[in-house]
Amino acid sequence: FDKFERQLVEKLSRHERSSHFSYFVESLTRDLCVSLSVDDVKRISSSLTVLANEKLKASKPAQAKKKGGPAAKKAVPVKASGGIDTTNYDE
């Protein structure tokens, strides 16, 4: 199956620039997974989720540089007792 996989990837990746490619891959994957067990589908889904997360992490530094860095977070004043300090707010 390794050789068959390489051949399929080689043939299909020629079309990856097509606007329809992602829909094709989604449909093909769905059709191929119909006959698989629930555990196999979960494993495949998990693998794709990991790939998506890795791609998201890789794209974040590039986006942060374009935006000029992350926005500063606003601090919420907290009393020593652990409650939120509301003395600065009007009633």
PDB file of N, CA and C in Angstrom:
ATOM      1  N   PHE A   1       0.795  -1.210   0.000  1.00  0.00           N
ATOM      2  CA  PHE A   1       0.000   0.000   0.000  1.00  0.00           C
ATOM      3  C   PHE A   1       0.836   1.274   0.000  1.00  0.00           C
ATOM      4  N   ASP A   2       2.076   1.181   0.468  1.00  0.00           N
ATOM      5  CA  ASP A   2       2.933   2.375   0.492  1.00  0.00           C
ATOM      6  C   ASP A   2       3.198   2.906  -0.918  1.00  0.00           C
ATOM      7  N   LYS A   3       3.486   1.992  -1.832  1.00  0.00           N
ATOM      8  CA  LYS A   3       3.747   2.401  -3.213  1.00  0.00           C
ATOM      9  C   LYS A   3       2.483   2.988  -3.837  1.00  0.00           C
ATOM     10  N   PHE A   4       1.358   2.352  -3.573  1.00  0.00           N
ATOM     11  CA  PHE A   4       0.078   2.827  -4.090  1.00  0.00           C
ATOM     12  C   PHE A   4      -0.239   4.213  -3.529  1.00  0.00           C
ATOM     13  N   GLU A   5       0.025   4.422  -2.247  1.00  0.00           N
ATOM     14  CA  GLU A   5      -0.194   5.728  -1.619  1.00  0.00           C
ATOM     15  C   GLU A   5       0.644   6.808  -2.291  1.00  0.00           C
ATOM     16  N   ARG A   6       1.922   6.529  -2.495  1.00  0.00           N
ATOM     17  CA  ARG A   6       2.809   7.504  -3.147  1.00  0.00           C
ATOM     18  C   ARG A   6       2.313   7.851  -4.551  1.00  0.00           C
ATOM     19  N   GLN A   7       1.880   6.836  -5.283  1.00  0.00           N
ATOM     20  CA  GLN A   7       1.386   7.075  -6.639  1.00  0.00           C
ATOM     21  C   GLN A   7       0.110   7.922  -6.626  1.00  0.00           C
ATOM     22  N   LEU A   8      -0.789   7.633  -5.706  1.00  0.00           N
ATOM     23  CA  LEU A   8      -2.020   8.421  -5.595  1.00  0.00           C
ATOM     24  C   LEU A   8      -1.722   9.869  -5.224  1.00  0.00           C
ATOM     25  N   VAL A   9      -0.862  10.056  -4.238  1.00  0.00           N
ATOM     26  CA  VAL A   9      -0.506  11.413  -3.816  1.00  0.00           C
ATOM     27  C   VAL A   9       0.124  12.175  -4.968  1.00  0.00           C
ATOM     28  N   GLU A  10       0.999  11.505  -5.694  1.00  0.00           N
ATOM     29  CA  GLU A  10       1.666  12.150  -6.834  1.00  0.00           C
ATOM     30  C   GLU A  10       0.641  12.580  -7.885  1.00  0.00           C
ATOM     31  N   LYS A  11      -0.288  11.700  -8.208  1.00  0.00           N
ATOM     32  CA  LYS A  11      -1.279  12.017  -9.240  1.00  0.00           C
ATOM     33  C   LYS A  11      -2.267  13.082  -8.767  1.00  0.00           C
ATOM     34  N   LEU A  12      -2.729  12.967  -7.531  1.00  0.00           N
ATOM     35  CA  LEU A  12      -3.749  13.899  -7.041  1.00  0.00           C
ATOM     36  C   LEU A  12      -3.183  15.272  -6.712  1.00  0.00           C
ATOM     37  N   SER A  13      -1.960  15.333  -6.230  1.00  0.00           N
ATOM     38  CA  SER A  13      -1.402  16.625  -5.825  1.00  0.00           C
ATOM     39  C   SER A  13      -1.128  17.540  -7.020  1.00  0.00           C
ATOM     40  N   ARG A  14      -1.174  17.009  -8.210  1.00  0.00           N
ATOM     41  CA  ARG A  14      -1.052  17.849  -9.410  1.00  0.00           C
ATOM     42  C   ARG A  14      -2.216  18.842  -9.502  1.00  0.00           C
ATOM     43  N   HIS A  15      -3.317  18.500  -8.849  1.00  0.00           N
ATOM     44  CA  HIS A  15      -4.532  19.307  -8.934  1.00  0.00           C
ATOM     45  C   HIS A  15      -4.803  20.113  -7.669  1.00  0.00           C
ATOM     46  N   GLU A  16      -3.850  20.158  -6.766  1.00  0.00           N
ATOM     47  CA  GLU A  16      -4.106  20.803  -5.467  1.00  0.00           C
ATOM     48  C   GLU A  16      -4.332  22.311  -5.570  1.00  0.00           C
ATOM     49  N   ARG A  17      -3.949  22.934  -6.643  1.00  0.00           N
ATOM     50  CA  ARG A  17      -4.166  24.372  -6.813  1.00  0.00           C
ATOM     51  C   ARG A  17      -5.580  24.692  -7.303  1.00  0.00           C
ATOM     52  N   SER A  18      -6.315  23.675  -7.689  1.00  0.00           N
ATOM     53  CA  SER A  18      -7.682  23.875  -8.146  1.00  0.00           C
ATOM     54  C   SER A  18      -8.564  24.314  -6.976  1.00  0.00           C
ATOM     55  N   SER A  19      -9.497  25.191  -7.247  1.00  0.00           N
ATOM     56  CA  SER A  19     -10.405  25.652  -6.194  1.00  0.00           C
ATOM     57  C   SER A  19     -11.337  24.529  -5.724  1.00  0.00           C
ATOM     58  N   HIS A  20     -11.459  23.481  -6.487  1.00  0.00           N
ATOM     59  CA  HIS A  20     -12.338  22.361  -6.146  1.00  0.00           C
ATOM     60  C   HIS A  20     -11.603  21.242  -5.408  1.00  0.00           C
ATOM     61  N   PHE A  21     -10.300  21.357  -5.262  1.00  0.00           N
ATOM     62  CA  PHE A  21      -9.503  20.258  -4.723  1.00  0.00           C
ATOM     63  C   PHE A  21      -9.901  19.897  -3.299  1.00  0.00           C
ATOM     64  N   SER A  22     -10.073  20.890  -2.431  1.00  0.00           N
ATOM     65  CA  SER A  22     -10.394  20.578  -1.029  1.00  0.00           C
ATOM     66  C   SER A  22     -11.749  19.875  -0.914  1.00  0.00           C
ATOM     67  N   TYR A  23     -12.711  20.272  -1.753  1.00  0.00           N
ATOM     68  CA  TYR A  23     -14.016  19.607  -1.753  1.00  0.00           C
ATOM     69  C   TYR A  23     -13.888  18.169  -2.246  1.00  0.00           C
ATOM     70  N   PHE A  24     -13.046  17.979  -3.236  1.00  0.00           N
ATOM     71  CA  PHE A  24     -12.794  16.637  -3.753  1.00  0.00           C
ATOM     72  C   PHE A  24     -12.183  15.749  -2.678  1.00  0.00           C
ATOM     73  N   VAL A  25     -11.171  16.268  -1.980  1.00  0.00           N
ATOM     74  CA  VAL A  25     -10.499  15.485  -0.943  1.00  0.00           C
ATOM     75  C   VAL A  25     -11.483  15.157   0.183  1.00  0.00           C
ATOM     76  N   GLU A  26     -12.299  16.136   0.560  1.00  0.00           N
ATOM     77  CA  GLU A  26     -13.291  15.901   1.615  1.00  0.00           C
ATOM     78  C   GLU A  26     -14.269  14.804   1.213  1.00  0.00           C
ATOM     79  N   SER A  27     -14.783  14.896  -0.009  1.00  0.00           N
ATOM     80  CA  SER A  27     -15.734  13.914  -0.495  1.00  0.00           C
ATOM     81  C   SER A  27     -15.096  12.535  -0.625  1.00  0.00           C
ATOM     82  N   LEU A  28     -13.888  12.501  -1.166  1.00  0.00           N
ATOM     83  CA  LEU A  28     -13.176  11.235  -1.320  1.00  0.00           C
ATOM     84  C   LEU A  28     -12.920  10.589   0.036  1.00  0.00           C
ATOM     85  N   THR A  29     -12.479  11.381   0.990  1.00  0.00           N
ATOM     86  CA  THR A  29     -12.195  10.859   2.327  1.00  0.00           C
ATOM     87  C   THR A  29     -13.466  10.313   2.963  1.00  0.00           C
ATOM     88  N   ARG A  30     -14.533  11.070   2.857  1.00  0.00           N
ATOM     89  CA  ARG A  30     -15.813  10.616   3.412  1.00  0.00           C
ATOM     90  C   ARG A  30     -16.227   9.280   2.781  1.00  0.00           C
ATOM     91  N   ASP A  31     -16.164   9.193   1.454  1.00  0.00           N
ATOM     92  CA  ASP A  31     -16.558   7.971   0.753  1.00  0.00           C
ATOM     93  C   ASP A  31     -15.676   6.792   1.133  1.00  0.00           C
ATOM     94  N   LEU A  32     -14.387   7.038   1.311  1.00  0.00           N
ATOM     95  CA  LEU A  32     -13.474   5.955   1.684  1.00  0.00           C
ATOM     96  C   LEU A  32     -13.683   5.488   3.120  1.00  0.00           C
ATOM     97  N   CYS A  33     -14.171   6.377   3.978  1.00  0.00           N
ATOM     98  CA  CYS A  33     -14.326   6.046   5.403  1.00  0.00           C
ATOM     99  C   CYS A  33     -15.666   5.402   5.738  1.00  0.00           C
ATOM    100  N   VAL A  34     -16.594   5.396   4.803  1.00  0.00           N
ATOM    101  CA  VAL A  34     -17.930   4.856   5.075  1.00  0.00           C
ATOM    102  C   VAL A  34     -17.864   3.416   5.572  1.00  0.00           C
ATOM    103  N   SER A  35     -17.025   2.621   5.000  1.00  0.00           N
ATOM    104  CA  SER A  35     -16.990   1.199   5.354  1.00  0.00           C
ATOM    105  C   SER A  35     -16.044   0.895   6.522  1.00  0.00           C
ATOM    106  N   LEU A  36     -15.357   1.893   7.045  1.00  0.00           N
ATOM    107  CA  LEU A  36     -14.424   1.671   8.143  1.00  0.00           C
ATOM    108  C   LEU A  36     -15.139   1.610   9.482  1.00  0.00           C
ATOM    109  N   SER A  37     -14.463   1.042  10.467  1.00  0.00           N
ATOM    110  CA  SER A  37     -15.034   0.983  11.814  1.00  0.00           C
ATOM    111  C   SER A  37     -14.990   2.359  12.472  1.00  0.00           C
ATOM    112  N   VAL A  38     -15.761   2.528  13.522  1.00  0.00           N
ATOM    113  CA  VAL A  38     -15.804   3.792  14.248  1.00  0.00           C
ATOM    114  C   VAL A  38     -14.417   4.142  14.772  1.00  0.00           C
ATOM    115  N   ASP A  39     -13.702   3.167  15.297  1.00  0.00           N
ATOM    116  CA  ASP A  39     -12.357   3.417  15.829  1.00  0.00           C
ATOM    117  C   ASP A  39     -11.404   3.904  14.743  1.00  0.00           C
ATOM    118  N   ASP A  40     -11.503   3.330  13.563  1.00  0.00           N
ATOM    119  CA  ASP A  40     -10.644   3.765  12.458  1.00  0.00           C
ATOM    120  C   ASP A  40     -10.975   5.193  12.032  1.00  0.00           C
ATOM    121  N   VAL A  41     -12.259   5.514  11.957  1.00  0.00           N
ATOM    122  CA  VAL A  41     -12.664   6.868  11.571  1.00  0.00           C
ATOM    123  C   VAL A  41     -12.207   7.868  12.621  1.00  0.00           C
ATOM    124  N   LYS A  42     -12.310   7.512  13.910  1.00  0.00           N
ATOM    125  CA  LYS A  42     -11.839   8.399  14.986  1.00  0.00           C
ATOM    126  C   LYS A  42     -10.337   8.635  14.880  1.00  0.00           C
ATOM    127  N   ARG A  43      -9.588   7.593  14.565  1.00  0.00           N
ATOM    128  CA  ARG A  43      -8.134   7.710  14.432  1.00  0.00           C
ATOM    129  C   ARG A  43      -7.777   8.635  13.266  1.00  0.00           C
ATOM    130  N   ILE A  44      -8.469   8.478  12.165  1.00  0.00           N
ATOM    131  CA  ILE A  44      -8.232   9.324  10.991  1.00  0.00           C
ATOM    132  C   ILE A  44      -8.612  10.772  11.308  1.00  0.00           C
ATOM    133  N   SER A  45      -9.736  10.949  11.958  1.00  0.00           N
ATOM    134  CA  SER A  45     -10.181  12.285  12.342  1.00  0.00           C
ATOM    135  C   SER A  45      -9.172  12.949  13.270  1.00  0.00           C
ATOM    136  N   SER A  46      -8.665  12.208  14.215  1.00  0.00           N
ATOM    137  CA  SER A  46      -7.664  12.733  15.148  1.00  0.00           C
ATOM    138  C   SER A  46      -6.397  13.139  14.410  1.00  0.00           C
ATOM    139  N   SER A  47      -5.989  12.335  13.464  1.00  0.00           N
ATOM    140  CA  SER A  47      -4.802  12.631  12.676  1.00  0.00           C
ATOM    141  C   SER A  47      -4.980  13.918  11.875  1.00  0.00           C
ATOM    142  N   LEU A  48      -6.157  14.107  11.310  1.00  0.00           N
ATOM    143  CA  LEU A  48      -6.435  15.324  10.546  1.00  0.00           C
ATOM    144  C   LEU A  48      -6.529  16.547  11.461  1.00  0.00           C
ATOM    145  N   THR A  49      -7.043  16.356  12.672  1.00  0.00           N
ATOM    146  CA  THR A  49      -7.111  17.455  13.638  1.00  0.00           C
ATOM    147  C   THR A  49      -5.714  17.892  14.039  1.00  0.00           C
ATOM    148  N   VAL A  50      -4.825  16.936  14.259  1.00  0.00           N
ATOM    149  CA  VAL A  50      -3.436  17.256  14.593  1.00  0.00           C
ATOM    150  C   VAL A  50      -2.793  18.036  13.446  1.00  0.00           C
ATOM    151  N   LEU A  51      -3.015  17.603  12.237  1.00  0.00           N
ATOM    152  CA  LEU A  51      -2.473  18.305  11.067  1.00  0.00           C
ATOM    153  C   LEU A  51      -3.013  19.733  10.986  1.00  0.00           C
ATOM    154  N   ALA A  52      -4.305  19.895  11.217  1.00  0.00           N
ATOM    155  CA  ALA A  52      -4.915  21.231  11.178  1.00  0.00           C
ATOM    156  C   ALA A  52      -4.320  22.128  12.265  1.00  0.00           C
ATOM    157  N   ASN A  53      -4.126  21.592  13.458  1.00  0.00           N
ATOM    158  CA  ASN A  53      -3.539  22.368  14.556  1.00  0.00           C
ATOM    159  C   ASN A  53      -2.108  22.773  14.245  1.00  0.00           C
ATOM    160  N   GLU A  54      -1.335  21.874  13.653  1.00  0.00           N
ATOM    161  CA  GLU A  54       0.046  22.192  13.280  1.00  0.00           C
ATOM    162  C   GLU A  54       0.077  23.300  12.231  1.00  0.00           C
ATOM    163  N   LYS A  55      -0.821  23.225  11.253  1.00  0.00           N
ATOM    164  CA  LYS A  55      -0.878  24.264  10.220  1.00  0.00           C
ATOM    165  C   LYS A  55      -1.305  25.598  10.822  1.00  0.00           C
ATOM    166  N   LEU A  56      -2.217  25.562  11.784  1.00  0.00           N
ATOM    167  CA  LEU A  56      -2.671  26.780  12.445  1.00  0.00           C
ATOM    168  C   LEU A  56      -1.534  27.416  13.237  1.00  0.00           C
ATOM    169  N   LYS A  57      -0.776  26.600  13.968  1.00  0.00           N
ATOM    170  CA  LYS A  57       0.368  27.110  14.729  1.00  0.00           C
ATOM    171  C   LYS A  57       1.420  27.702  13.801  1.00  0.00           C
ATOM    172  N   ALA A  58       1.649  27.058  12.678  1.00  0.00           N
ATOM    173  CA  ALA A  58       2.652  27.543  11.727  1.00  0.00           C
ATOM    174  C   ALA A  58       2.226  28.867  11.095  1.00  0.00           C
ATOM    175  N   SER A  59       0.931  29.070  10.938  1.00  0.00           N
ATOM    176  CA  SER A  59       0.467  30.302  10.304  1.00  0.00           C
ATOM    177  C   SER A  59       0.356  31.456  11.291  1.00  0.00           C
ATOM    178  N   LYS A  60       0.266  31.195  12.577  1.00  0.00           N
ATOM    179  CA  LYS A  60       0.125  32.269  13.566  1.00  0.00           C
ATOM    180  C   LYS A  60       1.320  33.206  13.623  1.00  0.00           C
ATOM    181  N   PRO A  61       2.566  32.728  13.645  1.00  0.00           N
ATOM    182  CA  PRO A  61       3.690  33.679  13.675  1.00  0.00           C
ATOM    183  C   PRO A  61       3.687  34.599  12.460  1.00  0.00           C
ATOM    184  N   ALA A  62       3.321  34.094  11.322  1.00  0.00           N
ATOM    185  CA  ALA A  62       3.274  34.922  10.114  1.00  0.00           C
ATOM    186  C   ALA A  62       2.177  35.971  10.244  1.00  0.00           C
ATOM    187  N   GLN A  63       1.053  35.621  10.814  1.00  0.00           N
ATOM    188  CA  GLN A  63      -0.041  36.569  10.995  1.00  0.00           C
ATOM    189  C   GLN A  63       0.319  37.603  12.056  1.00  0.00           C
ATOM    190  N   ALA A  64       0.996  37.189  13.133  1.00  0.00           N
ATOM    191  CA  ALA A  64       1.366  38.112  14.201  1.00  0.00           C
ATOM    192  C   ALA A  64       2.331  39.172  13.684  1.00  0.00           C
ATOM    193  N   LYS A  65       3.244  38.809  12.802  1.00  0.00           N
ATOM    194  CA  LYS A  65       4.190  39.767  12.233  1.00  0.00           C
ATOM    195  C   LYS A  65       3.457  40.783  11.361  1.00  0.00           C
ATOM    196  N   LYS A  66       2.430  40.343  10.651  1.00  0.00           N
ATOM    197  CA  LYS A  66       1.669  41.244   9.781  1.00  0.00           C
ATOM    198  C   LYS A  66       0.880  42.255  10.609  1.00  0.00           C
ATOM    199  N   LYS A  67       0.359  41.819  11.754  1.00  0.00           N
ATOM    200  CA  LYS A  67      -0.477  42.681  12.573  1.00  0.00           C
ATOM    201  C   LYS A  67       0.340  43.554  13.523  1.00  0.00           C
ATOM    202  N   GLY A  68       1.603  43.287  13.658  1.00  0.00           N
ATOM    203  CA  GLY A  68       2.434  44.078  14.560  1.00  0.00           C
ATOM    204  C   GLY A  68       2.451  43.528  15.979  1.00  0.00           C
ATOM    205  N   GLY A  69       2.115  42.294  16.154  1.00  0.00           N
ATOM    206  CA  GLY A  69       2.159  41.673  17.474  1.00  0.00           C
ATOM    207  C   GLY A  69       0.778  41.572  18.076  1.00  0.00           C
ATOM    208  N   PRO A  70       0.644  40.760  19.121  1.00  0.00           N
ATOM    209  CA  PRO A  70      -0.658  40.577  19.742  1.00  0.00           C
ATOM    210  C   PRO A  70      -1.071  41.818  20.537  1.00  0.00           C
ATOM    211  N   ALA A  71      -2.361  42.026  20.630  1.00  0.00           N
ATOM    212  CA  ALA A  71      -2.892  43.176  21.368  1.00  0.00           C
ATOM    213  C   ALA A  71      -2.663  42.977  22.865  1.00  0.00           C
ATOM    214  N   ALA A  72      -2.458  44.078  23.565  1.00  0.00           N
ATOM    215  CA  ALA A  72      -2.246  44.004  25.009  1.00  0.00           C
ATOM    216  C   ALA A  72      -3.555  43.633  25.690  1.00  0.00           C
ATOM    217  N   LYS A  73      -3.480  42.752  26.690  1.00  0.00           N
ATOM    218  CA  LYS A  73      -4.657  42.330  27.420  1.00  0.00           C
ATOM    219  C   LYS A  73      -4.918  43.313  28.543  1.00  0.00           C
ATOM    220  N   LYS A  74      -6.188  43.561  28.805  1.00  0.00           N
ATOM    221  CA  LYS A  74      -6.566  44.451  29.889  1.00  0.00           C
ATOM    222  C   LYS A  74      -6.568  43.677  31.196  1.00  0.00           C
ATOM    223  N   ALA A  75      -5.967  44.262  32.216  1.00  0.00           N
ATOM    224  CA  ALA A  75      -5.909  43.621  33.523  1.00  0.00           C
ATOM    225  C   ALA A  75      -7.160  43.963  34.312  1.00  0.00           C
ATOM    226  N   VAL A  76      -7.668  42.982  35.046  1.00  0.00           N
ATOM    227  CA  VAL A  76      -8.814  43.189  35.919  1.00  0.00           C
ATOM    228  C   VAL A  76      -8.291  43.279  37.337  1.00  0.00           C
ATOM    229  N   PRO A  77      -8.543  44.398  38.053  1.00  0.00           N
ATOM    230  CA  PRO A  77      -8.057  44.523  39.417  1.00  0.00           C
ATOM    231  C   PRO A  77      -8.695  43.475  40.314  1.00  0.00           C
ATOM    232  N   VAL A  78      -7.891  42.818  41.148  1.00  0.00           N
ATOM    233  CA  VAL A  78      -8.373  41.769  42.036  1.00  0.00           C
ATOM    234  C   VAL A  78      -7.929  42.101  43.448  1.00  0.00           C
ATOM    235  N   LYS A  79      -8.853  41.970  44.424  1.00  0.00           N
ATOM    236  CA  LYS A  79      -8.525  42.183  45.830  1.00  0.00           C
ATOM    237  C   LYS A  79      -7.707  41.009  46.336  1.00  0.00           C
ATOM    238  N   ALA A  80      -7.017  41.220  47.446  1.00  0.00           N
ATOM    239  CA  ALA A  80      -6.216  40.151  48.038  1.00  0.00           C
ATOM    240  C   ALA A  80      -7.084  38.985  48.485  1.00  0.00           C
ATOM    241  N   SER A  81      -8.369  39.245  48.760  1.00  0.00           N
ATOM    242  CA  SER A  81      -9.267  38.184  49.206  1.00  0.00           C
ATOM    243  C   SER A  81      -9.660  37.257  48.053  1.00  0.00           C
ATOM    244  N   GLY A  82      -9.309  37.629  46.811  1.00  0.00           N
ATOM    245  CA  GLY A  82      -9.616  36.793  45.661  1.00  0.00           C
ATOM    246  C   GLY A  82     -10.836  37.263  44.904  1.00  0.00           C
ATOM    247  N   GLY A  83     -11.554  38.266  45.436  1.00  0.00           N
ATOM    248  CA  GLY A  83     -12.722  38.798  44.747  1.00  0.00           C
ATOM    249  C   GLY A  83     -12.310  39.870  43.767  1.00  0.00           C
ATOM    250  N   ILE A  84     -13.229  40.298  42.934  1.00  0.00           N
ATOM    251  CA  ILE A  84     -12.955  41.343  41.961  1.00  0.00           C
ATOM    252  C   ILE A  84     -13.146  42.694  42.648  1.00  0.00           C
ATOM    253  N   ASP A  85     -12.215  43.572  42.467  1.00  0.00           N
ATOM    254  CA  ASP A  85     -12.261  44.902  43.068  1.00  0.00           C
ATOM    255  C   ASP A  85     -13.212  45.776  42.259  1.00  0.00           C
ATOM    256  N   THR A  86     -14.356  46.138  42.884  1.00  0.00           N
ATOM    257  CA  THR A  86     -15.349  46.941  42.198  1.00  0.00           C
ATOM    258  C   THR A  86     -15.385  48.380  42.705  1.00  0.00           C
ATOM    259  N   THR A  87     -14.374  48.793  43.475  1.00  0.00           N
ATOM    260  CA  THR A  87     -14.371  50.150  44.030  1.00  0.00           C
ATOM    261  C   THR A  87     -14.186  51.202  42.970  1.00  0.00           C
ATOM    262  N   ASN A  88     -13.667  50.883  41.818  1.00  0.00           N
ATOM    263  CA  ASN A  88     -13.442  51.843  40.758  1.00  0.00           C
ATOM    264  C   ASN A  88     -14.651  52.053  39.854  1.00  0.00           C
ATOM    265  N   TYR A  89     -15.758  51.382  40.136  1.00  0.00           N
ATOM    266  CA  TYR A  89     -16.930  51.440  39.278  1.00  0.00           C
ATOM    267  C   TYR A  89     -18.056  52.181  39.964  1.00  0.00           C
ATOM    268  N   ASP A  90     -18.812  52.972  39.220  1.00  0.00           N
ATOM    269  CA  ASP A  90     -19.984  53.664  39.747  1.00  0.00           C
ATOM    270  C   ASP A  90     -21.132  52.684  39.841  1.00  0.00           C
ATOM    271  N   GLU A  91     -22.005  52.932  40.828  1.00  0.00           N
ATOM    272  CA  GLU A  91     -23.166  52.035  40.969  1.00  0.00           C
ATOM    273  C   GLU A  91     -24.340  52.521  40.198  1.00  0.00           C
TER     274      GLU A  91
END
